[in-house]
Amino acid sequence: MTRSTLHPGAPAARAPEPLSAQEIEGIRADFPYLERPARNGEPLAYLDWAATSQKPRGVIAAEEDFYRRSNGAAGRSTYQLADEATATWEDAREAVAGFVGARPGQLVFTKNATEALNLVALAIGHASAGRGAASGALARDADDPAGRLAIGPGDEVVVSRAEHHANLVPWQELCARTGAALRWLDLDPQGRIDLATLGVINERTRVVALTHASNVTGAITPLERILPRAREAGALVVLDTCQSAAHLPLDFAALAAAGVDAMVLSSHKMCGPTGIGALVATEDLLEAMPPVLTGGSMIEVVTMTSSTYMSGPARFEAGSQPLAQAAGWRAAVDYVGRIGLDRLHATETLLAGRLLEGLERTPGVRLLGPHDTRERLGVVAFTIEGVHPHDVGQVLDAAGVAVRTGHHCAQPIHAHAGIHASSRASLGPCSTVGEVDRFLSAVTDVRRYFQR
């Protein structure tokens, strides 16, 4: 397993070199969003990469090129356009899978990461219903892979208080439908998973579903401490890598060897198009999962009374697929891969340090998340005493700085911090020292404005 996969803060034999200012300017030249001014007429300082990434020209061109040249019905005919459309789909599968250290047969395309998480939760629910909500003895039978998914009363699902709603609500629904109990890992005062609460993972735990990095605090989950316990419990482990996949090198093979059964990805956070995501899972899990969405493309034989289904990823890809978006995602991972995630992470870590230090020096500002940049990504949520986050966002917008405001689809972690909402700045490939400094100056202006 690689250090970057399980413990990004661990010292490497040779630390990756951050991108130079000249290299960052070269990257920025690839992104057309920078050609338009902000509301105040100045260049836009986009610091909302954790919500959605901006797209380089090559990604936009790849989508357009598909529609111009190769638009056909993938997997449905033998004419040239159809063959090219099918090749586009499968080439994208191979590229995205390779980007995260997986095999093509382990990657299921979905419309987004939320659907991918629901796909797993619903499949577990379907398997449980088919077995009468079988209890642990049946479900843990090594000779019955499908039975591993069965869950019912007396079983437990473990999440953390740091989860995005997309990795919490599906498990709440699963527990409500099957009679299983939902448990969670709690957080320490800096928003990190409190390892003292690892005891919630025990012999009753059937599923452990965790974020790899918080979309609020940026805190990186200490998988090296959690996975051994989940593995000992025989739990199915699902990892939400929406925040980490565009900022940390991932190796699904290493994660699977350490006990991860599945992880989910979102193209639009990886410099790719909206409307497409992925479930990456072991072949054993995909074989055990019953189909959730049914219809065309995922069947083998259909009669008036029954149907049989394809194996592998195709079983879960019913209906017409987002082919142009797949072409764009393939271009995105190629683009980010050429830059190098290790160098991007090193660069963003330096910028995050500057951002954190500046906020820590600003009176009235409260930071959420770890203060050590080795424990977090460049996702920084904060509050300003006496100022509503929406007001913070509006003042920053007037200064040409774009940040996220609200609860960021993560109400429980805000409740843990004793607040309802926060403002959040997040870094990406185009972020610069100048943008960070503009942001910090604008935050100071917010304080001055509301203290008048």
Protein backbone atom coordinates (compact mmCIF):
# COMPACT_ATOMS: atom_id res chain seq x y z
CA MET A 1 0.00 0.00 0.00
CA THR A 2 1.26 3.49 -0.79
CA ARG A 3 1.70 6.16 1.81
CA SER A 4 -0.30 8.55 -0.33
CA THR A 5 -3.27 6.20 -0.20
CA LEU A 6 -3.49 5.42 3.50
CA HIS A 7 -1.40 8.07 5.22
CA PRO A 8 -0.70 11.12 3.03
CA GLY A 9 1.08 12.92 5.85
CA ALA A 10 3.73 10.23 6.22
CA PRO A 11 7.22 11.24 5.08
CA ALA A 12 8.11 9.97 1.62
CA ALA A 13 11.56 8.87 0.50
CA ARG A 14 11.63 11.97 -1.68
CA ALA A 15 9.04 14.67 -1.21
CA PRO A 16 7.28 15.72 -4.43
CA GLU A 17 8.28 19.14 -5.72
CA PRO A 18 5.52 21.77 -5.64
CA LEU A 19 4.57 23.38 -8.92
CA SER A 20 6.47 26.56 -9.75
CA ALA A 21 4.66 29.85 -10.26
CA GLN A 22 5.42 29.55 -13.98
CA GLU A 23 3.90 26.06 -14.12
CA ILE A 24 0.77 27.25 -12.33
CA GLU A 25 0.40 30.11 -14.81
CA GLY A 26 0.66 27.54 -17.61
CA ILE A 27 -2.14 25.53 -16.00
CA ARG A 28 -4.28 28.64 -15.56
CA ALA A 29 -3.94 29.37 -19.28
CA ASP A 30 -5.76 26.09 -19.94
CA PHE A 31 -8.90 27.16 -18.03
CA PRO A 32 -11.28 29.48 -19.89
CA TYR A 33 -13.21 30.52 -16.77
CA LEU A 34 -10.31 32.85 -15.99
CA GLU A 35 -11.05 34.84 -19.15
CA ARG A 36 -14.19 36.36 -17.63
CA PRO A 37 -14.05 39.01 -14.91
CA ALA A 38 -15.65 38.73 -11.51
CA ARG A 39 -18.65 40.82 -10.48
CA ASN A 40 -16.37 43.72 -9.53
CA GLY A 41 -14.53 43.67 -12.85
CA GLU A 42 -11.37 42.13 -11.40
CA PRO A 43 -10.03 38.65 -12.21
CA LEU A 44 -12.07 35.94 -10.49
CA ALA A 45 -10.41 34.22 -7.52
CA TYR A 46 -12.25 30.89 -7.58
CA LEU A 47 -11.87 29.19 -4.19
CA ASP A 48 -14.76 26.73 -4.37
CA TRP A 49 -13.02 23.70 -5.88
CA ALA A 50 -14.45 21.40 -3.20
CA ALA A 51 -17.96 22.13 -4.50
CA THR A 52 -17.13 21.75 -8.18
CA SER A 53 -13.96 22.07 -10.19
CA GLN A 54 -13.42 24.30 -13.18
CA LYS A 55 -12.79 22.59 -16.53
CA PRO A 56 -9.74 22.86 -18.78
CA ARG A 57 -10.14 23.44 -22.50
CA GLY A 58 -9.25 19.85 -23.33
CA VAL A 59 -12.19 18.52 -21.32
CA ILE A 60 -14.63 20.90 -22.98
CA ALA A 61 -13.18 20.03 -26.39
CA ALA A 62 -13.44 16.28 -25.74
CA GLU A 63 -17.17 16.54 -25.06
CA GLU A 64 -17.74 18.71 -28.11
CA ASP A 65 -15.60 16.45 -30.30
CA PHE A 66 -17.66 13.42 -29.31
CA TYR A 67 -20.88 15.11 -30.38
CA ARG A 68 -19.30 16.39 -33.59
CA ARG A 69 -17.61 13.17 -34.70
CA SER A 70 -18.59 10.03 -32.77
CA ASN A 71 -22.14 10.42 -31.50
CA GLY A 72 -23.78 7.01 -31.79
CA ALA A 73 -25.56 4.35 -29.74
CA ALA A 74 -22.85 2.65 -27.70
CA GLY A 75 -23.10 -1.13 -27.45
CA ARG A 76 -26.16 -1.29 -29.68
CA SER A 77 -25.03 -1.66 -33.27
CA THR A 78 -22.12 -2.36 -35.63
CA TYR A 79 -21.93 0.80 -37.72
CA GLN A 80 -18.88 3.06 -37.40
CA LEU A 81 -20.35 5.74 -35.15
CA ALA A 82 -21.73 3.12 -32.77
CA ASP A 83 -18.36 1.38 -32.64
CA GLU A 84 -16.64 4.69 -31.90
CA ALA A 85 -19.17 5.53 -29.19
CA THR A 86 -18.62 2.13 -27.58
CA ALA A 87 -14.86 2.64 -27.74
CA THR A 88 -15.25 6.08 -26.14
CA TRP A 89 -17.19 4.54 -23.24
CA GLU A 90 -14.79 1.69 -22.61
CA ASP A 91 -11.66 3.80 -23.14
CA ALA A 92 -12.99 6.20 -20.49
CA ARG A 93 -13.61 3.28 -18.13
CA GLU A 94 -10.03 2.10 -18.58
CA ALA A 95 -8.57 5.59 -18.11
CA VAL A 96 -10.57 6.53 -15.00
CA ALA A 97 -9.98 3.11 -13.44
CA GLY A 98 -6.26 3.36 -14.12
CA PHE A 99 -6.16 6.85 -12.62
CA VAL A 100 -7.23 5.43 -9.24
CA GLY A 101 -5.29 2.16 -9.45
CA ALA A 102 -8.22 -0.07 -10.37
CA ARG A 103 -8.98 -2.48 -13.20
CA PRO A 104 -11.61 -1.58 -15.83
CA GLY A 105 -13.81 -4.47 -14.70
CA GLN A 106 -14.00 -2.88 -11.25
CA LEU A 107 -15.49 0.44 -12.38
CA VAL A 108 -19.22 1.08 -12.79
CA PHE A 109 -20.23 4.40 -14.31
CA THR A 110 -23.03 6.23 -12.51
CA LYS A 111 -24.58 9.68 -12.88
CA ASN A 112 -22.68 10.93 -9.80
CA ALA A 113 -21.11 9.75 -6.55
CA THR A 114 -24.41 10.09 -4.71
CA GLU A 115 -25.96 7.53 -7.05
CA ALA A 116 -22.93 5.27 -6.57
CA LEU A 117 -23.37 5.30 -2.79
CA ASN A 118 -27.09 4.68 -3.12
CA LEU A 119 -26.34 1.84 -5.53
CA VAL A 120 -24.38 -0.01 -2.86
CA ALA A 121 -26.88 0.72 -0.09
CA LEU A 122 -29.85 -0.29 -2.23
CA ALA A 123 -28.11 -3.46 -3.40
CA ILE A 124 -27.55 -4.43 0.23
CA GLY A 125 -31.21 -3.73 0.92
CA HIS A 126 -32.30 -5.84 -2.06
CA ALA A 127 -30.03 -8.70 -0.99
CA SER A 128 -31.39 -8.49 2.54
CA ALA A 129 -35.01 -8.54 1.36
CA GLY A 130 -34.27 -11.55 -0.83
CA ARG A 131 -32.97 -13.44 2.17
CA GLY A 132 -35.57 -12.29 4.65
CA ALA A 133 -33.12 -9.90 6.32
CA ALA A 134 -30.77 -12.74 7.12
CA SER A 135 -28.81 -12.54 10.33
CA GLY A 136 -25.05 -12.45 10.71
CA ALA A 137 -24.47 -16.21 10.76
CA LEU A 138 -25.77 -16.64 7.21
CA ALA A 139 -24.38 -13.38 5.90
CA ARG A 140 -20.82 -14.07 7.03
CA ASP A 141 -20.63 -17.50 5.37
CA ALA A 142 -17.46 -17.36 3.25
CA ASP A 143 -18.97 -19.87 0.80
CA ASP A 144 -21.95 -17.58 0.18
CA PRO A 145 -20.59 -14.26 -1.23
CA ALA A 146 -24.04 -12.82 -1.91
CA GLY A 147 -25.02 -13.56 1.67
CA ARG A 148 -22.34 -11.16 2.86
CA LEU A 149 -24.65 -8.34 1.83
CA ALA A 150 -27.62 -9.49 3.89
CA ILE A 151 -28.31 -7.27 6.87
CA GLY A 152 -31.07 -7.15 9.45
CA PRO A 153 -32.01 -6.64 13.11
CA GLY A 154 -29.02 -7.04 15.40
CA ASP A 155 -26.61 -5.85 12.70
CA GLU A 156 -25.02 -2.40 12.59
CA VAL A 157 -23.82 0.12 10.02
CA VAL A 158 -21.02 2.51 11.03
CA VAL A 159 -20.43 5.95 9.54
CA SER A 160 -18.76 9.05 11.00
CA ARG A 161 -20.12 12.40 12.09
CA ALA A 162 -18.01 13.98 9.33
CA GLU A 163 -19.98 12.50 6.44
CA HIS A 164 -21.48 14.39 3.54
CA HIS A 165 -25.22 13.73 3.48
CA ALA A 166 -24.68 11.51 0.43
CA ASN A 167 -22.76 9.06 2.61
CA LEU A 168 -25.16 9.28 5.54
CA VAL A 169 -28.76 9.40 4.33
CA PRO A 170 -28.57 6.20 2.19
CA TRP A 171 -27.36 4.27 5.25
CA GLN A 172 -30.08 5.80 7.42
CA GLU A 173 -32.60 4.56 4.87
CA LEU A 174 -31.00 1.10 4.73
CA CYS A 175 -31.19 0.77 8.50
CA ALA A 176 -34.79 1.97 8.57
CA ARG A 177 -35.78 -0.65 6.00
CA THR A 178 -33.85 -3.61 7.40
CA GLY A 179 -34.00 -3.05 11.15
CA ALA A 180 -30.22 -2.64 11.42
CA ALA A 181 -28.83 0.04 13.74
CA LEU A 182 -26.80 3.06 12.65
CA ARG A 183 -23.69 3.85 14.70
CA TRP A 184 -21.03 6.47 14.16
CA LEU A 185 -17.46 7.42 14.89
CA ASP A 186 -17.35 10.74 16.69
CA LEU A 187 -15.01 13.68 16.18
CA ASP A 188 -12.46 15.48 18.31
CA PRO A 189 -12.46 19.28 18.81
CA GLN A 190 -10.52 19.77 15.54
CA GLY A 191 -13.05 17.78 13.52
CA ARG A 192 -10.83 14.72 13.15
CA ILE A 193 -12.22 11.24 13.70
CA ASP A 194 -11.84 10.48 17.40
CA LEU A 195 -9.99 7.18 17.48
CA ALA A 196 -11.20 6.67 21.06
CA THR A 197 -14.61 5.87 19.53
CA LEU A 198 -13.34 3.02 17.33
CA GLY A 199 -15.13 0.63 19.66
CA VAL A 200 -18.34 1.21 17.69
CA ILE A 201 -16.83 -1.10 15.06
CA ASN A 202 -17.41 -4.57 16.51
CA GLU A 203 -18.67 -8.06 15.73
CA ARG A 204 -22.13 -6.67 14.88
CA THR A 205 -20.78 -4.23 12.28
CA ARG A 206 -21.80 -5.18 8.75
CA VAL A 207 -20.90 -1.98 6.87
CA VAL A 208 -18.37 0.79 7.52
CA ALA A 209 -18.94 3.80 5.23
CA LEU A 210 -16.51 6.69 5.60
CA THR A 211 -15.34 9.80 3.85
CA HIS A 212 -11.68 9.75 2.83
CA ALA A 213 -11.47 13.50 3.47
CA SER A 214 -14.07 15.83 4.95
CA ASN A 215 -15.65 18.36 2.63
CA VAL A 216 -15.93 20.75 5.61
CA THR A 217 -12.72 20.43 7.61
CA GLY A 218 -10.51 18.85 4.97
CA ALA A 219 -9.47 16.31 7.62
CA ILE A 220 -8.04 13.13 6.08
CA THR A 221 -9.44 9.95 7.59
CA PRO A 222 -6.73 7.82 9.29
CA LEU A 223 -7.51 4.67 7.32
CA GLU A 224 -4.41 2.93 8.60
CA ARG A 225 -5.99 2.94 12.06
CA ILE A 226 -9.58 2.13 11.06
CA LEU A 227 -9.31 -0.48 8.31
CA PRO A 228 -7.69 -3.21 10.44
CA ARG A 229 -10.57 -3.02 12.91
CA ALA A 230 -13.18 -3.09 10.13
CA ARG A 231 -11.43 -6.04 8.55
CA GLU A 232 -11.35 -7.91 11.85
CA ALA A 233 -15.10 -7.36 12.13
CA GLY A 234 -15.65 -8.72 8.62
CA ALA A 235 -17.41 -5.51 7.63
CA LEU A 236 -17.99 -4.27 4.12
CA VAL A 237 -16.01 -1.02 3.75
CA VAL A 238 -17.21 1.78 1.46
CA LEU A 239 -15.05 4.88 0.97
CA ASP A 240 -16.24 8.28 -0.27
CA THR A 241 -13.26 9.73 -2.16
CA CYS A 242 -15.04 12.69 -3.76
CA GLN A 243 -12.79 15.21 -2.03
CA SER A 244 -9.55 13.24 -2.16
CA ALA A 245 -9.54 11.82 -5.70
CA ALA A 246 -8.60 15.14 -7.30
CA HIS A 247 -5.98 16.01 -4.69
CA LEU A 248 -4.31 12.79 -3.50
CA PRO A 249 -2.92 9.86 -5.48
CA LEU A 250 -5.25 6.90 -4.90
CA ASP A 251 -4.49 3.23 -5.36
CA PHE A 252 -7.60 1.07 -5.19
CA ALA A 253 -5.55 -2.13 -5.37
CA ALA A 254 -3.71 -1.10 -2.21
CA LEU A 255 -6.91 0.05 -0.54
CA ALA A 256 -8.63 -3.23 -1.41
CA ALA A 257 -5.71 -5.19 0.00
CA ALA A 258 -6.11 -3.19 3.22
CA GLY A 259 -9.83 -3.95 3.44
CA VAL A 260 -11.73 -1.43 1.29
CA ASP A 261 -14.46 -3.09 -0.78
CA ALA A 262 -15.69 -0.07 -2.72
CA MET A 263 -15.10 3.63 -3.27
CA VAL A 264 -16.99 6.31 -5.14
CA LEU A 265 -15.81 9.10 -7.44
CA SER A 266 -17.30 12.27 -8.88
CA SER A 267 -16.08 13.57 -12.22
CA HIS A 268 -17.09 17.18 -11.67
CA LYS A 269 -14.73 17.48 -8.70
CA MET A 270 -11.84 16.12 -10.80
CA CYS A 271 -11.82 18.77 -13.56
CA GLY A 272 -14.29 16.61 -15.49
CA PRO A 273 -17.89 17.12 -16.61
CA THR A 274 -21.00 17.06 -14.48
CA GLY A 275 -23.45 14.19 -14.86
CA ILE A 276 -21.07 11.27 -14.44
CA GLY A 277 -19.46 9.51 -11.49
CA ALA A 278 -18.33 6.01 -10.64
CA LEU A 279 -18.46 3.14 -8.21
CA VAL A 280 -15.15 1.31 -7.98
CA ALA A 281 -15.52 -2.06 -6.29
CA THR A 282 -13.87 -5.44 -6.01
CA GLU A 283 -15.04 -8.06 -8.48
CA ASP A 284 -16.35 -10.15 -5.59
CA LEU A 285 -18.59 -7.32 -4.42
CA LEU A 286 -19.90 -6.57 -7.92
CA GLU A 287 -20.66 -10.25 -8.41
CA ALA A 288 -22.54 -10.39 -5.11
CA MET A 289 -24.57 -7.21 -5.67
CA PRO A 290 -28.01 -7.65 -7.23
CA PRO A 291 -28.97 -5.09 -9.89
CA VAL A 292 -30.84 -2.07 -8.60
CA LEU A 293 -31.76 -0.28 -11.84
CA THR A 294 -33.04 -2.54 -14.59
CA GLY A 295 -33.83 -2.10 -18.26
CA GLY A 296 -31.88 -2.03 -21.48
CA SER A 297 -28.14 -2.66 -21.81
CA MET A 298 -27.77 -4.68 -18.59
CA ILE A 299 -29.69 -7.80 -19.64
CA GLU A 300 -28.73 -11.09 -21.29
CA VAL A 301 -32.10 -12.74 -22.00
CA VAL A 302 -35.58 -11.29 -21.51
CA THR A 303 -38.83 -13.27 -21.75
CA MET A 304 -42.33 -12.25 -20.77
CA THR A 305 -41.89 -13.85 -17.36
CA SER A 306 -38.24 -13.40 -16.39
CA SER A 307 -34.87 -11.90 -17.27
CA THR A 308 -31.22 -12.72 -16.78
CA TYR A 309 -28.56 -10.07 -16.27
CA MET A 310 -25.06 -9.41 -17.47
CA SER A 311 -22.07 -9.74 -15.15
CA GLY A 312 -19.51 -7.12 -14.21
CA PRO A 313 -20.05 -3.36 -14.48
CA ALA A 314 -22.63 -3.70 -17.27
CA ARG A 315 -25.11 -5.21 -14.80
CA PHE A 316 -25.35 -1.81 -13.10
CA GLU A 317 -25.34 0.44 -16.19
CA ALA A 318 -28.94 0.27 -17.35
CA GLY A 319 -30.18 2.46 -20.18
CA SER A 320 -28.45 5.05 -22.34
CA GLN A 321 -25.26 6.39 -20.84
CA PRO A 322 -23.54 9.83 -20.66
CA LEU A 323 -21.06 9.13 -23.45
CA ALA A 324 -19.86 12.69 -24.06
CA GLN A 325 -19.34 13.14 -20.34
CA ALA A 326 -17.27 9.95 -20.27
CA ALA A 327 -15.10 11.38 -23.04
CA GLY A 328 -14.67 14.54 -21.00
CA TRP A 329 -13.81 12.62 -17.84
CA ARG A 330 -11.20 10.63 -19.70
CA ALA A 331 -9.65 13.92 -20.89
CA ALA A 332 -9.76 15.24 -17.32
CA VAL A 333 -7.85 12.35 -15.75
CA ASP A 334 -5.33 12.51 -18.58
CA TYR A 335 -4.87 16.23 -17.91
CA VAL A 336 -4.52 15.93 -14.13
CA GLY A 337 -2.31 12.89 -14.57
CA ARG A 338 0.13 14.87 -16.72
CA ILE A 339 0.44 17.50 -13.99
CA GLY A 340 0.82 14.86 -11.28
CA LEU A 341 -1.42 14.56 -8.23
CA ASP A 342 1.59 14.32 -5.94
CA ARG A 343 2.84 17.72 -7.14
CA LEU A 344 -0.65 19.23 -7.02
CA HIS A 345 -1.05 18.02 -3.44
CA ALA A 346 2.34 19.46 -2.47
CA THR A 347 1.38 22.80 -4.00
CA GLU A 348 -2.05 22.91 -2.38
CA THR A 349 -0.54 21.99 0.98
CA LEU A 350 1.73 25.05 0.84
CA LEU A 351 -1.17 27.28 -0.14
CA ALA A 352 -3.36 25.79 2.59
CA GLY A 353 -0.68 26.59 5.13
CA ARG A 354 -0.62 30.21 4.01
CA LEU A 355 -4.41 30.39 4.10
CA LEU A 356 -4.65 28.82 7.56
CA GLU A 357 -1.95 31.06 9.01
CA GLY A 358 -3.67 34.15 7.64
CA LEU A 359 -7.04 33.18 9.08
CA GLU A 360 -5.50 32.29 12.44
CA ARG A 361 -4.10 35.84 12.64
CA THR A 362 -7.47 37.43 11.85
CA PRO A 363 -9.41 38.48 14.98
CA GLY A 364 -12.84 36.91 15.33
CA VAL A 365 -12.18 34.07 12.89
CA ARG A 366 -12.77 30.50 14.03
CA LEU A 367 -11.25 27.69 11.96
CA LEU A 368 -12.88 24.29 11.58
CA GLY A 369 -10.57 21.32 11.15
CA PRO A 370 -6.97 20.36 11.87
CA HIS A 371 -4.36 23.09 12.10
CA ASP A 372 -1.64 20.73 10.79
CA THR A 373 -1.62 20.71 6.97
CA ARG A 374 -0.31 17.13 7.00
CA GLU A 375 -3.69 16.04 8.35
CA ARG A 376 -5.91 17.82 5.87
CA LEU A 377 -6.57 18.86 2.31
CA GLY A 378 -6.86 22.46 1.11
CA VAL A 379 -10.49 22.68 2.24
CA VAL A 380 -10.85 25.34 4.93
CA ALA A 381 -14.18 26.15 6.61
CA PHE A 382 -14.40 29.06 9.02
CA THR A 383 -16.75 31.43 10.78
CA ILE A 384 -16.43 35.13 11.60
CA GLU A 385 -17.80 36.22 14.95
CA GLY A 386 -21.05 38.11 14.60
CA VAL A 387 -21.29 37.69 10.81
CA HIS A 388 -23.57 35.20 9.07
CA PRO A 389 -21.72 33.01 6.55
CA HIS A 390 -24.02 34.15 3.74
CA ASP A 391 -23.01 37.76 4.46
CA VAL A 392 -19.37 36.68 4.38
CA GLY A 393 -19.92 35.09 0.99
CA GLN A 394 -21.61 38.18 -0.43
CA VAL A 395 -18.85 40.53 0.71
CA LEU A 396 -16.19 38.20 -0.69
CA ASP A 397 -18.12 37.95 -3.96
CA ALA A 398 -18.14 41.73 -4.20
CA ALA A 399 -14.35 41.53 -3.93
CA GLY A 400 -14.14 38.98 -6.75
CA VAL A 401 -13.57 35.96 -4.48
CA ALA A 402 -15.82 32.89 -4.79
CA VAL A 403 -16.30 30.70 -1.70
CA ARG A 404 -19.00 28.31 -0.49
CA THR A 405 -21.40 29.27 2.30
CA GLY A 406 -23.96 27.19 4.20
CA HIS A 407 -23.79 23.74 5.76
CA HIS A 408 -22.06 22.18 2.73
CA CYS A 409 -24.44 19.17 2.75
CA ALA A 410 -22.92 18.19 6.10
CA GLN A 411 -25.19 19.32 8.92
CA PRO A 412 -24.01 16.84 11.60
CA ILE A 413 -20.40 18.05 11.57
CA HIS A 414 -21.62 21.64 11.90
CA ALA A 415 -23.82 20.61 14.82
CA HIS A 416 -20.74 18.99 16.39
CA ALA A 417 -19.00 22.38 16.12
CA GLY A 418 -22.02 24.09 17.69
CA ILE A 419 -22.94 26.06 14.58
CA HIS A 420 -25.45 25.85 11.74
CA ALA A 421 -23.29 27.01 8.85
CA SER A 422 -19.85 28.20 7.83
CA SER A 423 -17.94 29.78 4.97
CA ARG A 424 -15.47 27.59 3.09
CA ALA A 425 -12.50 28.28 0.86
CA SER A 426 -11.06 25.37 -1.11
CA LEU A 427 -8.05 25.08 -3.38
CA GLY A 428 -7.47 23.56 -6.79
CA PRO A 429 -5.02 23.39 -9.70
CA CYS A 430 -5.45 27.08 -10.58
CA SER A 431 -5.07 28.44 -7.05
CA THR A 432 -2.23 30.89 -6.45
CA VAL A 433 -0.56 32.79 -3.64
CA GLY A 434 -2.15 35.94 -5.04
CA GLU A 435 -5.65 34.46 -4.80
CA VAL A 436 -5.05 33.34 -1.22
CA ASP A 437 -3.84 36.81 -0.30
CA ARG A 438 -6.85 38.44 -1.99
CA PHE A 439 -9.10 36.13 0.00
CA LEU A 440 -7.39 36.99 3.29
CA SER A 441 -7.60 40.71 2.54
CA ALA A 442 -11.32 40.36 1.77
CA VAL A 443 -11.91 38.48 5.04
CA THR A 444 -10.30 41.38 6.89
CA ASP A 445 -12.63 43.74 5.02
CA VAL A 446 -15.61 41.66 6.18
CA ARG A 447 -14.55 42.18 9.78
CA ARG A 448 -14.16 45.92 9.28
CA TYR A 449 -17.47 46.29 7.45
CA PHE A 450 -19.58 44.54 10.08
CA GLN A 451 -17.83 46.23 13.01
CA ARG A 452 -18.84 49.72 11.84
